[in-house]
N, C-alpha and C. Protein backbone atom coordinates (compact mmCIF):
# COMPACT_ATOMS: atom_id res chain seq x y z
N UNK A 1 245.98 -98.43 59.96
CA UNK A 1 245.04 -97.83 60.94
C UNK A 1 245.32 -98.21 62.22
N UNK A 2 245.14 -97.35 63.23
CA UNK A 2 245.42 -97.69 64.50
C UNK A 2 244.33 -98.53 65.23
N UNK A 3 244.56 -99.32 66.10
CA UNK A 3 243.58 -100.08 66.86
C UNK A 3 243.17 -99.31 68.23
N UNK A 4 241.84 -99.23 68.41
CA UNK A 4 241.41 -98.59 69.60
C UNK A 4 241.64 -99.45 70.83
N UNK A 5 242.14 -98.78 71.87
CA UNK A 5 242.63 -99.40 73.13
C UNK A 5 241.19 -99.55 73.96
N UNK A 6 241.55 -100.46 75.00
CA UNK A 6 240.47 -100.58 75.93
C UNK A 6 240.20 -99.42 76.78
N UNK A 7 241.21 -98.58 76.92
CA UNK A 7 241.12 -97.43 77.76
C UNK A 7 240.27 -96.46 76.97
N UNK A 8 240.37 -96.44 75.68
CA UNK A 8 239.56 -95.47 74.79
C UNK A 8 238.14 -95.83 74.86
N UNK A 9 237.71 -97.13 74.82
CA UNK A 9 236.44 -97.73 74.92
C UNK A 9 235.84 -97.29 76.22
N UNK A 10 236.66 -97.35 77.40
CA UNK A 10 236.08 -97.10 78.71
C UNK A 10 235.81 -95.56 78.75
N UNK A 11 236.75 -94.68 78.26
CA UNK A 11 236.52 -93.33 78.26
C UNK A 11 235.18 -92.93 77.45
N UNK A 12 235.01 -93.66 76.29
CA UNK A 12 233.76 -93.31 75.54
C UNK A 12 232.68 -93.75 76.22
N UNK A 13 232.63 -94.95 76.89
CA UNK A 13 231.39 -95.51 77.58
C UNK A 13 231.01 -94.43 78.90
N UNK A 14 232.07 -93.96 79.55
CA UNK A 14 231.80 -93.05 80.72
C UNK A 14 231.23 -91.72 80.14
N UNK A 15 231.86 -91.21 79.02
CA UNK A 15 231.35 -89.95 78.48
C UNK A 15 230.03 -90.07 77.98
N UNK A 16 229.68 -91.25 77.36
CA UNK A 16 228.27 -91.50 76.96
C UNK A 16 227.21 -91.43 78.03
N UNK A 17 227.60 -92.15 79.10
CA UNK A 17 226.80 -92.12 80.34
C UNK A 17 226.47 -90.66 80.87
N UNK A 18 227.70 -89.93 81.11
CA UNK A 18 227.55 -88.64 81.52
C UNK A 18 226.58 -87.76 80.70
N UNK A 19 226.71 -87.85 79.33
CA UNK A 19 226.03 -87.07 78.46
C UNK A 19 224.50 -87.35 78.66
N UNK A 20 224.28 -88.69 78.70
CA UNK A 20 222.81 -89.10 78.78
C UNK A 20 222.27 -88.72 80.17
N UNK A 21 222.98 -88.66 81.15
CA UNK A 21 222.56 -88.36 82.62
C UNK A 21 222.27 -86.89 82.53
N UNK A 22 223.10 -86.09 81.95
CA UNK A 22 222.87 -84.54 81.93
C UNK A 22 221.67 -84.20 81.16
N UNK A 23 221.50 -84.85 79.80
CA UNK A 23 220.32 -84.58 79.14
C UNK A 23 219.03 -85.02 79.72
N UNK A 24 219.03 -86.20 80.38
CA UNK A 24 217.87 -86.71 81.10
C UNK A 24 217.49 -85.81 82.20
N UNK A 25 218.41 -85.42 83.07
CA UNK A 25 218.05 -84.47 84.16
C UNK A 25 217.61 -83.14 83.87
N UNK A 26 218.19 -82.60 82.69
CA UNK A 26 217.93 -81.34 82.25
C UNK A 26 216.42 -81.32 81.66
N UNK A 27 216.16 -82.33 80.94
CA UNK A 27 214.79 -82.58 80.36
C UNK A 27 213.85 -82.56 81.44
N UNK A 28 214.06 -83.44 82.38
CA UNK A 28 213.16 -83.55 83.62
C UNK A 28 212.84 -82.30 84.28
N UNK A 29 213.88 -81.53 84.52
CA UNK A 29 213.67 -80.09 85.08
C UNK A 29 212.93 -79.22 84.20
N UNK A 30 213.09 -79.17 82.80
CA UNK A 30 212.31 -78.49 82.10
C UNK A 30 211.01 -78.77 81.98
N UNK A 31 210.61 -79.99 81.91
CA UNK A 31 209.18 -80.66 81.88
C UNK A 31 208.52 -80.09 83.17
N UNK A 32 209.20 -80.39 84.31
CA UNK A 32 208.52 -80.00 85.62
C UNK A 32 208.16 -78.47 85.81
N UNK A 33 208.79 -77.72 84.92
CA UNK A 33 208.52 -76.23 85.31
C UNK A 33 207.49 -75.75 84.13
N UNK A 34 207.08 -76.62 83.13
CA UNK A 34 206.05 -76.19 82.20
C UNK A 34 204.74 -76.45 82.73
N UNK A 35 203.87 -75.47 82.63
CA UNK A 35 202.35 -75.56 82.88
C UNK A 35 201.59 -74.97 81.86
N UNK A 36 200.51 -75.36 81.67
CA UNK A 36 199.63 -74.98 80.62
C UNK A 36 198.24 -74.49 81.18
N UNK A 37 197.78 -73.35 80.92
CA UNK A 37 196.59 -72.93 81.49
C UNK A 37 195.38 -73.84 81.21
N UNK A 38 194.43 -74.02 82.06
CA UNK A 38 193.35 -75.01 81.94
C UNK A 38 192.50 -74.52 80.80
N UNK A 39 192.45 -73.21 80.48
CA UNK A 39 191.49 -72.81 79.31
C UNK A 39 192.06 -73.16 78.04
N UNK A 40 193.37 -73.61 77.90
CA UNK A 40 193.99 -74.01 76.60
C UNK A 40 193.83 -75.61 76.55
N UNK A 41 193.76 -76.32 77.77
CA UNK A 41 193.82 -77.56 77.66
C UNK A 41 192.87 -78.18 78.85
N UNK A 42 191.52 -78.08 78.49
CA UNK A 42 190.50 -78.39 79.59
C UNK A 42 190.61 -79.85 79.86
N UNK A 43 190.29 -80.05 81.28
CA UNK A 43 190.07 -81.51 81.62
C UNK A 43 188.54 -81.83 81.39
N UNK A 44 188.28 -82.98 80.71
CA UNK A 44 186.93 -83.31 80.51
C UNK A 44 186.74 -84.76 81.11
N UNK A 45 185.65 -84.82 81.95
CA UNK A 45 185.29 -86.01 82.56
C UNK A 45 184.50 -87.04 81.57
N UNK A 46 184.86 -88.24 81.54
CA UNK A 46 184.10 -89.20 80.55
C UNK A 46 183.35 -90.06 81.27
N UNK A 47 182.27 -90.65 80.72
CA UNK A 47 181.49 -91.66 81.08
C UNK A 47 181.71 -92.80 80.01
N UNK A 48 182.10 -93.91 80.35
CA UNK A 48 182.32 -94.96 79.39
C UNK A 48 181.41 -96.01 79.50
N UNK A 49 181.06 -96.71 78.26
CA UNK A 49 180.17 -97.77 78.22
C UNK A 49 180.79 -99.07 78.36
N UNK A 50 180.75 -99.76 79.54
CA UNK A 50 181.41 -100.92 79.85
C UNK A 50 181.13 -102.00 79.20
N UNK A 51 179.98 -101.93 78.51
CA UNK A 51 179.43 -103.21 77.69
C UNK A 51 179.80 -103.19 76.31
N UNK A 52 180.55 -102.04 75.82
CA UNK A 52 180.94 -101.94 74.46
C UNK A 52 181.98 -103.05 74.01
N UNK A 53 181.59 -103.59 72.90
CA UNK A 53 182.41 -104.78 72.37
C UNK A 53 183.72 -104.28 71.85
N UNK A 54 183.80 -103.15 71.37
CA UNK A 54 184.96 -102.69 70.61
C UNK A 54 185.69 -101.51 71.37
N UNK A 55 187.00 -101.27 70.93
CA UNK A 55 187.80 -100.13 71.43
C UNK A 55 187.34 -98.88 70.77
N UNK A 56 187.54 -97.69 71.36
CA UNK A 56 187.15 -96.42 70.63
C UNK A 56 188.15 -96.09 69.69
N UNK A 57 187.71 -95.23 68.74
CA UNK A 57 188.75 -94.69 67.60
C UNK A 57 189.68 -93.81 68.15
N UNK A 58 189.39 -93.16 69.22
CA UNK A 58 190.43 -92.18 69.66
C UNK A 58 191.17 -92.46 70.84
N UNK A 59 191.01 -93.73 71.38
CA UNK A 59 191.69 -94.26 72.54
C UNK A 59 191.10 -94.19 73.79
N UNK A 60 190.05 -93.10 73.91
CA UNK A 60 189.43 -93.05 75.29
C UNK A 60 188.63 -94.20 75.63
N UNK A 61 188.52 -94.55 76.86
CA UNK A 61 187.64 -95.57 77.47
C UNK A 61 188.26 -96.96 76.96
N UNK A 62 189.28 -97.04 76.47
CA UNK A 62 189.90 -98.36 76.24
C UNK A 62 190.32 -99.06 77.36
N UNK A 63 190.77 -98.22 78.48
CA UNK A 63 191.11 -98.68 79.84
C UNK A 63 189.89 -98.21 80.75
N UNK A 64 188.90 -99.02 81.22
CA UNK A 64 187.95 -98.51 82.03
C UNK A 64 188.25 -97.97 83.33
N UNK A 65 189.44 -98.37 83.90
CA UNK A 65 189.87 -97.80 85.16
C UNK A 65 190.36 -96.37 84.93
N UNK A 66 191.04 -96.13 83.89
CA UNK A 66 191.48 -94.88 83.69
C UNK A 66 191.18 -94.52 82.13
N UNK A 67 189.95 -93.96 81.98
CA UNK A 67 189.42 -93.65 80.66
C UNK A 67 190.25 -92.87 79.62
N UNK A 68 191.11 -91.93 80.25
CA UNK A 68 191.90 -90.96 79.37
C UNK A 68 193.28 -91.64 79.08
N UNK A 69 193.65 -92.64 79.67
CA UNK A 69 195.02 -93.25 79.44
C UNK A 69 194.97 -93.71 77.83
N UNK A 70 195.72 -93.21 77.30
CA UNK A 70 195.88 -93.73 75.75
C UNK A 70 195.04 -92.87 74.86
N UNK A 71 194.28 -91.93 75.32
CA UNK A 71 193.43 -91.19 74.50
C UNK A 71 194.17 -90.15 73.74
N UNK A 72 193.75 -89.86 72.45
CA UNK A 72 194.55 -88.86 71.62
C UNK A 72 193.92 -87.47 72.01
N UNK A 73 194.72 -86.54 71.82
CA UNK A 73 194.44 -85.05 72.18
C UNK A 73 193.73 -84.87 73.36
N UNK A 74 194.20 -85.51 74.56
CA UNK A 74 193.65 -85.39 75.86
C UNK A 74 194.85 -84.82 76.76
N UNK A 75 194.42 -84.09 77.69
CA UNK A 75 195.38 -83.43 78.68
C UNK A 75 195.96 -84.40 79.54
N UNK A 76 197.34 -84.24 79.79
CA UNK A 76 197.99 -85.06 80.71
C UNK A 76 197.77 -84.57 82.08
N UNK A 77 197.17 -85.40 82.89
CA UNK A 77 196.92 -84.84 84.29
C UNK A 77 197.38 -85.96 85.20
């Protein structure tokens, strides 16, 4: 069996880096161009109980400064 050379390792590293760079930049552009109509994903304002001893089951109000952070089935805004 032939031994892999250092040059082959370097080529592989560069190729892997380029592939990851292209995939990440393509994904970012696709995500930026996607919008969802507000009727399908309505934003709801929350009032949280700051005296509650326990976290909520759905993740909302677990962060009192940003009540929707970590909430399940909530729109990303």
